[in-house]
């Protein structure tokens, strides 16, 4: 790992947001461009599974932790209400998809879009400035992220890790992809060998080669 690189363990959460943005943009494009219902359904299902894992991580560990340590920061900002609002908008899209109603689907994805972005932006404004204060060391912050990952370890492996890595690799330069992989590596610690194959499988060969050279993957592409 290069001397000038410093891992930020909470990039696991922050970059999951960017992957969700990318996944939502792909879903919306599929709807508005008239992709097949099967294509839209697959994109919606993949996005929904990742959202479910991420929301559980926030609701069960991240939000309570920030409330406890920072004077109810999440409660004061009303961030939990956004999850309820998002659930209703997502359900409307899924109902339109179940009926294969393209007009309703287009209306539903357009109605969800501004709420989806506001949800992520509002969370980032409150939570991200606090993450450096969660613990005094990188190792301490990584241990907290490990607790977040363990909310649903199997769901994280199956529905979040590969999805986020692939969306980042599709839409971001290598730097953010490296930061996400390094955050997983730091937080997972002794369990990283269990997760590395998922990361490798979601990355294109050039990324695998580069990340091996940087010390984040055990073997080149």
Protein backbone atom coordinates (compact mmCIF):
# COMPACT_ATOMS: atom_id res chain seq x y z
CA UNK A 1 0.00 0.00 0.00
CA UNK A 2 1.49 3.37 -0.98
CA UNK A 3 2.72 5.56 1.88
CA UNK A 4 0.56 8.51 0.87
CA UNK A 5 -2.69 6.55 0.84
CA UNK A 6 -4.84 6.73 3.97
CA UNK A 7 -7.88 4.50 4.20
CA UNK A 8 -11.16 5.97 5.40
CA UNK A 9 -13.17 3.05 6.80
CA UNK A 10 -16.49 4.89 6.64
CA UNK A 11 -16.04 5.16 2.88
CA UNK A 12 -17.79 1.79 3.02
CA UNK A 13 -20.98 3.68 3.85
CA UNK A 14 -20.36 6.85 1.84
CA UNK A 15 -19.44 5.06 -1.37
CA UNK A 16 -22.38 2.70 -0.98
CA UNK A 17 -24.44 5.87 -1.42
CA UNK A 18 -22.70 6.65 -4.70
CA UNK A 19 -23.26 3.10 -5.89
CA UNK A 20 -26.95 3.39 -5.02
CA UNK A 21 -27.08 6.64 -7.01
CA UNK A 22 -25.54 4.84 -9.98
CA UNK A 23 -27.90 1.90 -9.64
CA UNK A 24 -30.91 4.18 -9.42
CA UNK A 25 -29.75 6.11 -12.50
CA UNK A 26 -29.42 2.85 -14.41
CA UNK A 27 -32.90 1.77 -13.29
CA UNK A 28 -34.41 5.11 -14.27
CA UNK A 29 -32.70 5.05 -17.67
CA UNK A 30 -34.01 1.54 -18.29
CA UNK A 31 -37.56 2.69 -17.49
CA UNK A 32 -37.47 5.91 -19.50
CA UNK A 33 -35.61 4.38 -22.46
CA UNK A 34 -38.22 1.63 -22.83
CA UNK A 35 -36.08 -1.33 -21.84
CA UNK A 36 -37.86 -4.66 -21.48
CA UNK A 37 -39.88 -5.24 -18.34
CA UNK A 38 -37.55 -8.12 -17.48
CA UNK A 39 -34.55 -5.78 -17.66
CA UNK A 40 -36.27 -3.18 -15.48
CA UNK A 41 -37.38 -5.84 -13.05
CA UNK A 42 -33.83 -7.20 -12.70
CA UNK A 43 -32.34 -3.73 -12.12
CA UNK A 44 -35.05 -2.88 -9.60
CA UNK A 45 -34.57 -6.14 -7.71
CA UNK A 46 -30.80 -5.75 -7.49
CA UNK A 47 -31.15 -2.16 -6.29
CA UNK A 48 -33.84 -3.09 -3.76
CA UNK A 49 -31.70 -5.84 -2.22
CA UNK A 50 -28.75 -3.50 -1.78
CA UNK A 51 -30.98 -0.77 -0.33
CA UNK A 52 -32.42 -3.24 2.18
CA UNK A 53 -29.01 -4.26 3.49
CA UNK A 54 -27.74 -0.68 3.64
CA UNK A 55 -30.88 0.58 5.39
CA UNK A 56 -30.60 -2.17 8.00
CA UNK A 57 -26.98 -1.20 8.62
CA UNK A 58 -28.06 2.38 9.22
CA UNK A 59 -31.14 1.60 11.30
CA UNK A 60 -29.57 -1.04 13.53
CA UNK A 61 -26.04 0.28 14.14
CA UNK A 62 -25.05 3.51 12.39
CA UNK A 63 -28.01 5.71 13.36
CA UNK A 64 -28.13 4.55 17.01
CA UNK A 65 -24.36 5.02 17.32
CA UNK A 66 -24.47 8.59 16.00
CA UNK A 67 -27.47 9.44 18.17
CA UNK A 68 -25.75 8.07 21.27
CA UNK A 69 -22.43 9.84 20.69
CA UNK A 70 -23.54 13.09 19.12
CA UNK A 71 -26.59 14.36 21.00
CA UNK A 72 -29.25 12.68 18.91
CA UNK A 73 -27.86 13.98 15.60
CA UNK A 74 -29.88 11.56 13.46
CA UNK A 75 -33.06 12.08 15.49
CA UNK A 76 -32.77 15.88 15.39
CA UNK A 77 -32.25 15.82 11.62
CA UNK A 78 -35.25 13.52 11.11
CA UNK A 79 -33.28 11.07 8.99
CA UNK A 80 -35.35 8.03 9.96
CA UNK A 81 -38.44 9.62 8.40
CA UNK A 82 -36.70 9.50 5.02
CA UNK A 83 -36.56 5.71 5.22
CA UNK A 84 -40.34 5.56 5.69
CA UNK A 85 -40.89 7.96 2.79
CA UNK A 86 -38.50 5.97 0.59
CA UNK A 87 -40.26 2.71 1.41
CA UNK A 88 -43.56 4.11 0.11
CA UNK A 89 -42.03 5.47 -3.11
CA UNK A 90 -40.17 2.23 -3.75
CA UNK A 91 -43.36 0.25 -3.16
CA UNK A 92 -45.19 2.38 -5.75
CA UNK A 93 -42.54 1.61 -8.34
CA UNK A 94 -42.63 -2.09 -7.53
CA UNK A 95 -46.44 -2.12 -7.81
CA UNK A 96 -46.26 -0.51 -11.25
CA UNK A 97 -43.61 -3.02 -12.25
CA UNK A 98 -45.74 -5.91 -11.03
CA UNK A 99 -48.55 -4.70 -13.33
CA UNK A 100 -46.07 -4.07 -16.16
CA UNK A 101 -47.70 -0.65 -16.45
CA UNK A 102 -45.12 1.43 -18.31
CA UNK A 103 -46.88 4.77 -17.80
CA UNK A 104 -47.22 4.19 -14.07
CA UNK A 105 -43.64 2.95 -13.94
CA UNK A 106 -42.32 6.14 -15.55
CA UNK A 107 -44.38 8.27 -13.15
CA UNK A 108 -43.18 6.22 -10.18
CA UNK A 109 -39.48 6.42 -11.03
CA UNK A 110 -39.74 10.17 -11.65
CA UNK A 111 -41.57 10.67 -8.36
CA UNK A 112 -38.94 8.66 -6.50
CA UNK A 113 -35.90 10.34 -8.08
CA UNK A 114 -35.82 13.65 -6.14
CA UNK A 115 -36.64 11.93 -2.86
CA UNK A 116 -33.94 9.34 -3.44
CA UNK A 117 -31.27 11.99 -3.94
CA UNK A 118 -32.52 14.14 -1.05
CA UNK A 119 -32.44 11.10 1.22
CA UNK A 120 -28.79 10.37 0.44
CA UNK A 121 -27.69 14.01 0.47
CA UNK A 122 -29.38 14.74 3.78
CA UNK A 123 -27.78 11.71 5.39
CA UNK A 124 -24.35 12.65 4.10
CA UNK A 125 -24.65 16.20 5.39
CA UNK A 126 -25.34 14.96 8.92
CA UNK A 127 -23.39 11.74 9.15
CA UNK A 128 -20.20 12.07 7.17
CA UNK A 129 -18.75 15.00 9.17
CA UNK A 130 -19.19 12.89 12.32
CA UNK A 131 -17.49 9.72 11.16
CA UNK A 132 -13.94 10.94 11.89
CA UNK A 133 -15.05 11.56 15.48
CA UNK A 134 -16.52 8.09 16.04
CA UNK A 135 -13.09 6.83 17.12
CA UNK A 136 -9.65 8.39 17.47
CA UNK A 137 -7.83 5.94 15.20
CA UNK A 138 -8.31 4.32 11.81
CA UNK A 139 -8.39 0.96 13.58
CA UNK A 140 -11.13 2.16 15.90
CA UNK A 141 -13.23 3.48 13.03
CA UNK A 142 -12.65 0.25 11.10
CA UNK A 143 -13.93 -1.75 14.08
CA UNK A 144 -17.14 0.27 14.06
CA UNK A 145 -17.60 -0.33 10.33
CA UNK A 146 -17.07 -4.05 10.98
CA UNK A 147 -20.02 -3.90 13.40
CA UNK A 148 -22.07 -2.21 10.67
CA UNK A 149 -21.14 -4.91 8.17
CA UNK A 150 -22.12 -7.60 10.66
CA UNK A 151 -25.74 -6.38 10.88
CA UNK A 152 -26.43 -8.76 7.99
CA UNK A 153 -23.14 -10.36 7.04
CA UNK A 154 -24.65 -12.78 4.54
CA UNK A 155 -26.84 -10.09 2.99
CA UNK A 156 -23.83 -7.79 2.81
CA UNK A 157 -21.90 -10.50 0.97
CA UNK A 158 -24.71 -11.48 -1.38
CA UNK A 159 -26.51 -8.22 -2.11
CA UNK A 160 -24.30 -5.26 -1.23
CA UNK A 161 -20.60 -5.90 -1.69
CA UNK A 162 -20.54 -7.02 -5.32
CA UNK A 163 -23.30 -4.62 -6.35
CA UNK A 164 -21.55 -1.60 -4.87
CA UNK A 165 -18.15 -2.58 -6.25
CA UNK A 166 -19.52 -3.12 -9.75
CA UNK A 167 -21.47 0.15 -9.82
CA UNK A 168 -18.43 2.09 -8.60
CA UNK A 169 -16.18 0.42 -11.17
CA UNK A 170 -18.66 1.34 -13.91
CA UNK A 171 -19.08 4.98 -12.93
CA UNK A 172 -16.04 6.15 -10.94
CA UNK A 173 -12.31 6.46 -11.53
CA UNK A 174 -9.98 4.01 -9.84
CA UNK A 175 -9.45 6.21 -6.76
CA UNK A 176 -12.93 5.80 -5.24
CA UNK A 177 -12.98 2.11 -6.17
CA UNK A 178 -9.68 1.69 -4.35
CA UNK A 179 -11.01 3.54 -1.33
CA UNK A 180 -14.07 1.28 -1.13
CA UNK A 181 -12.00 -1.89 -1.43
CA UNK A 182 -9.50 -0.58 1.13
CA UNK A 183 -12.32 0.30 3.52
CA UNK A 184 -13.69 -3.25 3.22
CA UNK A 185 -10.18 -4.62 3.74
CA UNK A 186 -9.62 -2.52 6.88
CA UNK A 187 -13.03 -3.20 8.39
CA UNK A 188 -13.19 -6.90 7.59
CA UNK A 189 -9.68 -7.51 8.94
CA UNK A 190 -9.29 -11.26 9.51
CA UNK A 191 -12.47 -11.95 7.51
CA UNK A 192 -11.19 -10.16 4.41
CA UNK A 193 -10.20 -13.41 2.62
CA UNK A 194 -13.90 -14.34 2.76
CA UNK A 195 -14.86 -11.10 1.00
CA UNK A 196 -12.02 -10.65 -1.45
CA UNK A 197 -13.39 -13.11 -4.06
CA UNK A 198 -16.63 -11.09 -4.18
CA UNK A 199 -14.69 -7.90 -4.81
CA UNK A 200 -12.55 -9.56 -7.46
CA UNK A 201 -15.59 -10.92 -9.23
CA UNK A 202 -17.17 -7.47 -9.48
CA UNK A 203 -14.07 -5.73 -10.82
CA UNK A 204 -12.82 -5.52 -14.42
CA UNK A 205 -9.35 -7.01 -15.06
CA UNK A 206 -7.56 -3.65 -15.19
CA UNK A 207 -8.89 -2.74 -11.75
CA UNK A 208 -7.93 -6.12 -10.34
CA UNK A 209 -4.40 -5.71 -11.65
CA UNK A 210 -4.07 -2.20 -10.25
CA UNK A 211 -5.50 -3.07 -6.85
CA UNK A 212 -3.23 -6.08 -6.57
CA UNK A 213 -0.27 -3.79 -7.17
CA UNK A 214 -1.54 -1.48 -4.44
CA UNK A 215 -1.81 -4.32 -1.92
CA UNK A 216 -5.59 -4.65 -1.78
CA UNK A 217 -5.99 -7.93 -3.66
CA UNK A 218 -3.93 -11.05 -3.08
CA UNK A 219 -3.40 -11.94 -6.74
CA UNK A 220 -3.38 -10.04 -10.04
CA UNK A 221 -6.10 -10.36 -12.68
